[in-house]
Amino acid sequence: MKLQRIISFATLAISILTLVLVLKRPAPVAPALAPAAAAANAQSFQEKVNQLAQPKVPGEGESEVRINSGELSAALAQAAGLLPLAAPANTSTSSSPSSTAASPAMEFPGAVPNIKDYQVSMDGDIVRGQFLTEIAGKDVYLTLAGHLGAKDGYATFDATEVKIGDLSVPASLVNEVLQKKLAEQRDQLKLPNNVKDLKVENGELVFVEK
């Protein structure tokens, strides 16, 4: 009888600890930016996307477009409606919807729903994202890290770290489900025709043009 009570108390304590860790806010993966700085990063991201969309000069060698963590975070926040759209740089063409829109492959279609906040950081060849979402009526932080790459013209992602709140989850348990989800949204992961590779290198997102 005593053993059963001890097991019951231990199970209850573990359940409470797990719940606390899940609901606990983890350490941020990137410093918060002032609205003006975030808007500037979003504008810089758009300019680099526009650069990526420009046709290459015949005979020009392989080139790269590099995007830093701040620019990527701002673009994700903008795509999720967490950051106002940047004003067009050229007002004379602002009446044309296509004049200021990003390349369709760069608009982050199918972004995770009900996301209240985004943070993205890149370190070495690892990209790490932290997302605030709502689960069962509670705000929960999801942290996901891994390797970003490209295969057969599509972006790929292999998770190496998963946390729900402050609770670490084995990436091996999540990767199979994640890969199935990515396969379902494969069309949304197609790279622009002029991009032959995608990677994270020296803390930056790198698009390698053909």
C-alpha atoms as a PDB file:
ATOM      1  CA  MET A   1       0.000   0.000   0.000  1.00  0.00           C
ATOM      2  CA  LYS A   2       2.780   2.396   0.907  1.00  0.00           C
ATOM      3  CA  LEU A   3       4.609   1.539  -2.329  1.00  0.00           C
ATOM      4  CA  GLN A   4       1.490   2.340  -4.370  1.00  0.00           C
ATOM      5  CA  ARG A   5       1.126   5.697  -2.611  1.00  0.00           C
ATOM      6  CA  ILE A   6       4.790   6.516  -3.251  1.00  0.00           C
ATOM      7  CA  ILE A   7       4.385   5.630  -6.936  1.00  0.00           C
ATOM      8  CA  SER A   8       1.221   7.748  -7.134  1.00  0.00           C
ATOM      9  CA  PHE A   9       2.944  10.761  -5.536  1.00  0.00           C
ATOM     10  CA  ALA A  10       5.976  10.312  -7.784  1.00  0.00           C
ATOM     11  CA  THR A  11       3.761  10.137 -10.883  1.00  0.00           C
ATOM     12  CA  LEU A  12       1.881  13.250  -9.780  1.00  0.00           C
ATOM     13  CA  ALA A  13       5.138  15.121  -9.110  1.00  0.00           C
ATOM     14  CA  ILE A  14       6.512  14.185 -12.532  1.00  0.00           C
ATOM     15  CA  SER A  15       3.275  15.274 -14.206  1.00  0.00           C
ATOM     16  CA  ILE A  16       3.324  18.637 -12.409  1.00  0.00           C
ATOM     17  CA  LEU A  17       7.014  19.153 -13.241  1.00  0.00           C
ATOM     18  CA  THR A  18       6.366  18.331 -16.900  1.00  0.00           C
ATOM     19  CA  LEU A  19       3.448  20.746 -17.036  1.00  0.00           C
ATOM     20  CA  VAL A  20       5.522  23.500 -15.413  1.00  0.00           C
ATOM     21  CA  LEU A  21       8.345  22.970 -17.893  1.00  0.00           C
ATOM     22  CA  VAL A  22       5.967  22.941 -20.864  1.00  0.00           C
ATOM     23  CA  LEU A  23       4.347  26.218 -19.787  1.00  0.00           C
ATOM     24  CA  LYS A  24       7.614  27.851 -18.715  1.00  0.00           C
ATOM     25  CA  ARG A  25       9.030  30.471 -21.037  1.00  0.00           C
ATOM     26  CA  PRO A  26      12.440  29.310 -22.309  1.00  0.00           C
ATOM     27  CA  ALA A  27      15.429  31.562 -22.809  1.00  0.00           C
ATOM     28  CA  PRO A  28      14.949  33.587 -26.015  1.00  0.00           C
ATOM     29  CA  VAL A  29      16.959  32.459 -29.013  1.00  0.00           C
ATOM     30  CA  ALA A  30      17.507  36.037 -30.218  1.00  0.00           C
ATOM     31  CA  PRO A  31      17.404  39.532 -28.665  1.00  0.00           C
ATOM     32  CA  ALA A  32      14.212  41.544 -29.091  1.00  0.00           C
ATOM     33  CA  LEU A  33      14.362  44.335 -31.661  1.00  0.00           C
ATOM     34  CA  ALA A  34      12.713  47.742 -31.533  1.00  0.00           C
ATOM     35  CA  PRO A  35       9.899  48.196 -34.096  1.00  0.00           C
ATOM     36  CA  ALA A  36      12.026  50.562 -36.195  1.00  0.00           C
ATOM     37  CA  ALA A  37      14.895  48.057 -36.335  1.00  0.00           C
ATOM     38  CA  ALA A  38      12.513  45.223 -37.205  1.00  0.00           C
ATOM     39  CA  ALA A  39      10.980  47.301 -40.005  1.00  0.00           C
ATOM     40  CA  ALA A  40      14.457  48.083 -41.351  1.00  0.00           C
ATOM     41  CA  ASN A  41      15.325  44.369 -41.282  1.00  0.00           C
ATOM     42  CA  ALA A  42      12.117  43.522 -43.136  1.00  0.00           C
ATOM     43  CA  GLN A  43      12.953  46.125 -45.772  1.00  0.00           C
ATOM     44  CA  SER A  44      16.499  44.759 -46.101  1.00  0.00           C
ATOM     45  CA  PHE A  45      15.107  41.238 -46.499  1.00  0.00           C
ATOM     46  CA  GLN A  46      12.779  42.430 -49.270  1.00  0.00           C
ATOM     47  CA  GLU A  47      15.632  44.151 -51.092  1.00  0.00           C
ATOM     48  CA  LYS A  48      17.696  40.959 -50.983  1.00  0.00           C
ATOM     49  CA  VAL A  49      14.743  38.924 -52.248  1.00  0.00           C
ATOM     50  CA  ASN A  50      14.379  41.379 -55.117  1.00  0.00           C
ATOM     51  CA  GLN A  51      18.088  41.001 -55.805  1.00  0.00           C
ATOM     52  CA  LEU A  52      17.646  37.233 -55.887  1.00  0.00           C
ATOM     53  CA  ALA A  53      14.839  37.611 -58.444  1.00  0.00           C
ATOM     54  CA  GLN A  54      16.963  39.654 -60.844  1.00  0.00           C
ATOM     55  CA  PRO A  55      18.183  37.765 -63.940  1.00  0.00           C
ATOM     56  CA  LYS A  56      21.908  37.101 -63.982  1.00  0.00           C
ATOM     57  CA  VAL A  57      24.195  38.648 -66.537  1.00  0.00           C
ATOM     58  CA  PRO A  58      25.285  36.025 -69.114  1.00  0.00           C
ATOM     59  CA  GLY A  59      28.722  34.684 -68.263  1.00  0.00           C
ATOM     60  CA  GLU A  60      28.534  35.856 -64.656  1.00  0.00           C
ATOM     61  CA  GLY A  61      29.836  33.299 -62.199  1.00  0.00           C
ATOM     62  CA  GLU A  62      28.006  31.717 -59.280  1.00  0.00           C
ATOM     63  CA  SER A  63      26.721  34.251 -56.766  1.00  0.00           C
ATOM     64  CA  GLU A  64      25.142  34.183 -53.324  1.00  0.00           C
ATOM     65  CA  VAL A  65      22.534  36.152 -51.419  1.00  0.00           C
ATOM     66  CA  ARG A  66      23.029  36.124 -47.644  1.00  0.00           C
ATOM     67  CA  ILE A  67      20.310  36.876 -45.097  1.00  0.00           C
ATOM     68  CA  ASN A  68      20.999  37.351 -41.396  1.00  0.00           C
ATOM     69  CA  SER A  69      18.882  36.320 -38.399  1.00  0.00           C
ATOM     70  CA  GLY A  70      17.316  39.757 -37.895  1.00  0.00           C
ATOM     71  CA  GLU A  71      16.200  39.986 -41.507  1.00  0.00           C
ATOM     72  CA  LEU A  72      14.745  36.478 -41.475  1.00  0.00           C
ATOM     73  CA  SER A  73      12.918  37.041 -38.157  1.00  0.00           C
ATOM     74  CA  ALA A  74      11.399  40.283 -39.445  1.00  0.00           C
ATOM     75  CA  ALA A  75      10.274  38.640 -42.680  1.00  0.00           C
ATOM     76  CA  LEU A  76       8.596  35.780 -40.791  1.00  0.00           C
ATOM     77  CA  ALA A  77       6.886  38.224 -38.423  1.00  0.00           C
ATOM     78  CA  GLN A  78       5.700  40.258 -41.397  1.00  0.00           C
ATOM     79  CA  ALA A  79       4.374  37.152 -43.160  1.00  0.00           C
ATOM     80  CA  ALA A  80       2.456  36.219 -39.990  1.00  0.00           C
ATOM     81  CA  GLY A  81       0.963  39.707 -39.710  1.00  0.00           C
ATOM     82  CA  LEU A  82       2.993  40.528 -36.604  1.00  0.00           C
ATOM     83  CA  LEU A  83       4.837  43.339 -38.379  1.00  0.00           C
ATOM     84  CA  PRO A  84       3.271  45.896 -40.763  1.00  0.00           C
ATOM     85  CA  LEU A  85       4.185  45.547 -44.405  1.00  0.00           C
ATOM     86  CA  ALA A  86       7.076  47.768 -45.432  1.00  0.00           C
ATOM     87  CA  ALA A  87       6.217  50.824 -47.480  1.00  0.00           C
ATOM     88  CA  PRO A  88       7.260  50.548 -51.126  1.00  0.00           C
ATOM     89  CA  ALA A  89      10.611  52.122 -51.862  1.00  0.00           C
ATOM     90  CA  ASN A  90       9.432  53.552 -55.189  1.00  0.00           C
ATOM     91  CA  THR A  91       6.098  55.328 -54.885  1.00  0.00           C
ATOM     92  CA  SER A  92       5.807  55.745 -58.634  1.00  0.00           C
ATOM     93  CA  THR A  93       5.204  52.007 -58.987  1.00  0.00           C
ATOM     94  CA  SER A  94       3.290  51.425 -55.773  1.00  0.00           C
ATOM     95  CA  SER A  95       0.000  51.037 -57.633  1.00  0.00           C
ATOM     96  CA  SER A  96       1.224  47.806 -59.216  1.00  0.00           C
ATOM     97  CA  PRO A  97       0.736  44.830 -56.864  1.00  0.00           C
ATOM     98  CA  SER A  98       3.642  42.982 -58.442  1.00  0.00           C
ATOM     99  CA  SER A  99       6.069  45.865 -58.117  1.00  0.00           C
ATOM    100  CA  THR A 100       6.605  45.418 -54.367  1.00  0.00           C
ATOM    101  CA  ALA A 101       5.641  41.794 -53.753  1.00  0.00           C
ATOM    102  CA  ALA A 102       8.243  39.223 -52.894  1.00  0.00           C
ATOM    103  CA  SER A 103       8.896  36.213 -55.052  1.00  0.00           C
ATOM    104  CA  PRO A 104       6.073  33.703 -54.332  1.00  0.00           C
ATOM    105  CA  ALA A 105       8.557  31.176 -52.994  1.00  0.00           C
ATOM    106  CA  MET A 106       9.747  33.741 -50.445  1.00  0.00           C
ATOM    107  CA  GLU A 107       6.392  34.773 -48.994  1.00  0.00           C
ATOM    108  CA  PHE A 108       6.351  31.891 -46.498  1.00  0.00           C
ATOM    109  CA  PRO A 109       2.994  30.461 -47.577  1.00  0.00           C
ATOM    110  CA  GLY A 110       1.369  28.069 -45.173  1.00  0.00           C
ATOM    111  CA  ALA A 111       3.101  29.595 -42.157  1.00  0.00           C
ATOM    112  CA  VAL A 112       2.232  27.948 -38.853  1.00  0.00           C
ATOM    113  CA  PRO A 113      -1.232  29.203 -37.811  1.00  0.00           C
ATOM    114  CA  ASN A 114      -1.969  31.028 -34.548  1.00  0.00           C
ATOM    115  CA  ILE A 115       1.629  32.115 -34.145  1.00  0.00           C
ATOM    116  CA  LYS A 116       1.843  35.071 -31.765  1.00  0.00           C
ATOM    117  CA  ASP A 117       5.575  35.665 -31.908  1.00  0.00           C
ATOM    118  CA  TYR A 118       8.622  34.581 -33.906  1.00  0.00           C
ATOM    119  CA  GLN A 119      12.302  34.531 -33.087  1.00  0.00           C
ATOM    120  CA  VAL A 120      14.970  33.108 -35.360  1.00  0.00           C
ATOM    121  CA  SER A 121      18.704  32.808 -34.838  1.00  0.00           C
ATOM    122  CA  MET A 122      21.468  31.140 -36.808  1.00  0.00           C
ATOM    123  CA  ASP A 123      24.714  29.871 -35.368  1.00  0.00           C
ATOM    124  CA  GLY A 124      27.280  28.164 -37.552  1.00  0.00           C
ATOM    125  CA  ASP A 125      25.248  25.833 -39.758  1.00  0.00           C
ATOM    126  CA  ILE A 126      22.282  25.564 -37.377  1.00  0.00           C
ATOM    127  CA  VAL A 127      19.053  27.536 -37.670  1.00  0.00           C
ATOM    128  CA  ARG A 128      16.981  27.851 -34.492  1.00  0.00           C
ATOM    129  CA  GLY A 129      13.417  29.123 -34.349  1.00  0.00           C
ATOM    130  CA  GLN A 130      11.228  29.880 -31.352  1.00  0.00           C
ATOM    131  CA  PHE A 131       7.490  30.282 -31.799  1.00  0.00           C
ATOM    132  CA  LEU A 132       4.769  31.311 -29.368  1.00  0.00           C
ATOM    133  CA  THR A 133       1.522  29.529 -30.126  1.00  0.00           C
ATOM    134  CA  GLU A 134      -1.631  28.454 -28.309  1.00  0.00           C
ATOM    135  CA  ILE A 135      -2.198  24.856 -27.256  1.00  0.00           C
ATOM    136  CA  ALA A 136      -5.320  23.883 -25.323  1.00  0.00           C
ATOM    137  CA  GLY A 137      -5.951  27.535 -24.527  1.00  0.00           C
ATOM    138  CA  LYS A 138      -2.467  28.084 -23.099  1.00  0.00           C
ATOM    139  CA  ASP A 139       0.409  30.067 -24.612  1.00  0.00           C
ATOM    140  CA  VAL A 140       3.267  27.647 -25.261  1.00  0.00           C
ATOM    141  CA  TYR A 141       6.717  28.252 -26.714  1.00  0.00           C
ATOM    142  CA  LEU A 142       8.015  25.798 -29.300  1.00  0.00           C
ATOM    143  CA  THR A 143      11.754  25.819 -30.038  1.00  0.00           C
ATOM    144  CA  LEU A 144      13.016  23.965 -33.093  1.00  0.00           C
ATOM    145  CA  ALA A 145      16.609  23.782 -34.341  1.00  0.00           C
ATOM    146  CA  GLY A 146      18.279  21.883 -37.136  1.00  0.00           C
ATOM    147  CA  HIS A 147      19.928  21.836 -40.526  1.00  0.00           C
ATOM    148  CA  LEU A 148      18.384  23.649 -43.479  1.00  0.00           C
ATOM    149  CA  GLY A 149      19.303  22.496 -46.969  1.00  0.00           C
ATOM    150  CA  ALA A 150      18.093  21.771 -50.473  1.00  0.00           C
ATOM    151  CA  LYS A 151      17.435  18.643 -52.520  1.00  0.00           C
ATOM    152  CA  ASP A 152      16.074  18.347 -56.052  1.00  0.00           C
ATOM    153  CA  GLY A 153      14.993  21.979 -56.057  1.00  0.00           C
ATOM    154  CA  TYR A 154      13.150  21.890 -52.718  1.00  0.00           C
ATOM    155  CA  ALA A 155      14.104  23.149 -49.267  1.00  0.00           C
ATOM    156  CA  THR A 156      14.748  20.511 -46.592  1.00  0.00           C
ATOM    157  CA  PHE A 157      14.961  20.619 -42.804  1.00  0.00           C
ATOM    158  CA  ASP A 158      16.295  18.037 -40.350  1.00  0.00           C
ATOM    159  CA  ALA A 159      15.596  18.760 -36.690  1.00  0.00           C
ATOM    160  CA  THR A 160      18.387  18.344 -34.155  1.00  0.00           C
ATOM    161  CA  GLU A 161      16.720  20.012 -31.145  1.00  0.00           C
ATOM    162  CA  VAL A 162      13.082  20.273 -30.053  1.00  0.00           C
ATOM    163  CA  LYS A 163      11.729  21.954 -26.927  1.00  0.00           C
ATOM    164  CA  ILE A 164       8.163  22.543 -25.777  1.00  0.00           C
ATOM    165  CA  GLY A 165       8.340  25.333 -23.258  1.00  0.00           C
ATOM    166  CA  ASP A 166      11.490  24.506 -21.311  1.00  0.00           C
ATOM    167  CA  LEU A 167      11.042  20.753 -21.784  1.00  0.00           C
ATOM    168  CA  SER A 168      13.447  19.064 -24.212  1.00  0.00           C
ATOM    169  CA  VAL A 169      11.946  16.435 -26.510  1.00  0.00           C
ATOM    170  CA  PRO A 170      14.108  13.891 -28.397  1.00  0.00           C
ATOM    171  CA  ALA A 171      14.425  15.140 -31.968  1.00  0.00           C
ATOM    172  CA  SER A 172      14.195  11.561 -33.219  1.00  0.00           C
ATOM    173  CA  LEU A 173      10.624  11.383 -31.924  1.00  0.00           C
ATOM    174  CA  VAL A 174       9.650  14.541 -33.796  1.00  0.00           C
ATOM    175  CA  ASN A 175      11.603  14.214 -37.039  1.00  0.00           C
ATOM    176  CA  GLU A 176       9.454  11.470 -38.560  1.00  0.00           C
ATOM    177  CA  VAL A 177       6.263  13.464 -38.013  1.00  0.00           C
ATOM    178  CA  LEU A 178       7.993  16.649 -39.176  1.00  0.00           C
ATOM    179  CA  GLN A 179       9.202  15.047 -42.420  1.00  0.00           C
ATOM    180  CA  LYS A 180       5.681  13.774 -43.174  1.00  0.00           C
ATOM    181  CA  LYS A 181       4.309  17.273 -42.621  1.00  0.00           C
ATOM    182  CA  LEU A 182       6.959  18.791 -44.873  1.00  0.00           C
ATOM    183  CA  ALA A 183       6.182  16.192 -47.546  1.00  0.00           C
ATOM    184  CA  GLU A 184       2.510  17.229 -47.416  1.00  0.00           C
ATOM    185  CA  GLN A 185       3.555  20.849 -48.015  1.00  0.00           C
ATOM    186  CA  ARG A 186       6.294  20.062 -50.533  1.00  0.00           C
ATOM    187  CA  ASP A 187       4.978  22.483 -53.150  1.00  0.00           C
ATOM    188  CA  GLN A 188       5.412  25.329 -50.677  1.00  0.00           C
ATOM    189  CA  LEU A 189       9.076  24.375 -50.205  1.00  0.00           C
ATOM    190  CA  LYS A 190      10.013  24.721 -53.872  1.00  0.00           C
ATOM    191  CA  LEU A 191      12.992  27.009 -54.389  1.00  0.00           C
ATOM    192  CA  PRO A 192      13.036  29.738 -57.056  1.00  0.00           C
ATOM    193  CA  ASN A 193      14.187  28.388 -60.409  1.00  0.00           C
ATOM    194  CA  ASN A 194      17.401  30.402 -60.274  1.00  0.00           C
ATOM    195  CA  VAL A 195      18.442  28.994 -56.869  1.00  0.00           C
ATOM    196  CA  LYS A 196      20.437  25.779 -56.873  1.00  0.00           C
ATOM    197  CA  ASP A 197      21.249  25.485 -53.170  1.00  0.00           C
ATOM    198  CA  LEU A 198      20.096  26.683 -49.769  1.00  0.00           C
ATOM    199  CA  LYS A 199      22.093  26.422 -46.570  1.00  0.00           C
ATOM    200  CA  VAL A 200      23.001  28.037 -43.272  1.00  0.00           C
ATOM    201  CA  GLU A 201      26.642  29.015 -43.152  1.00  0.00           C
ATOM    202  CA  ASN A 202      28.539  31.140 -40.633  1.00  0.00           C
ATOM    203  CA  GLY A 203      25.267  32.181 -38.999  1.00  0.00           C
ATOM    204  CA  GLU A 204      23.598  33.349 -42.217  1.00  0.00           C
ATOM    205  CA  LEU A 205      20.967  31.936 -44.559  1.00  0.00           C
ATOM    206  CA  VAL A 206      22.626  31.529 -47.955  1.00  0.00           C
ATOM    207  CA  PHE A 207      20.885  31.247 -51.320  1.00  0.00           C
ATOM    208  CA  VAL A 208      23.275  30.034 -54.020  1.00  0.00           C
ATOM    209  CA  GLU A 209      22.195  31.151 -57.467  1.00  0.00           C
ATOM    210  CA  LYS A 210      22.641  29.035 -60.576  1.00  0.00           C
END
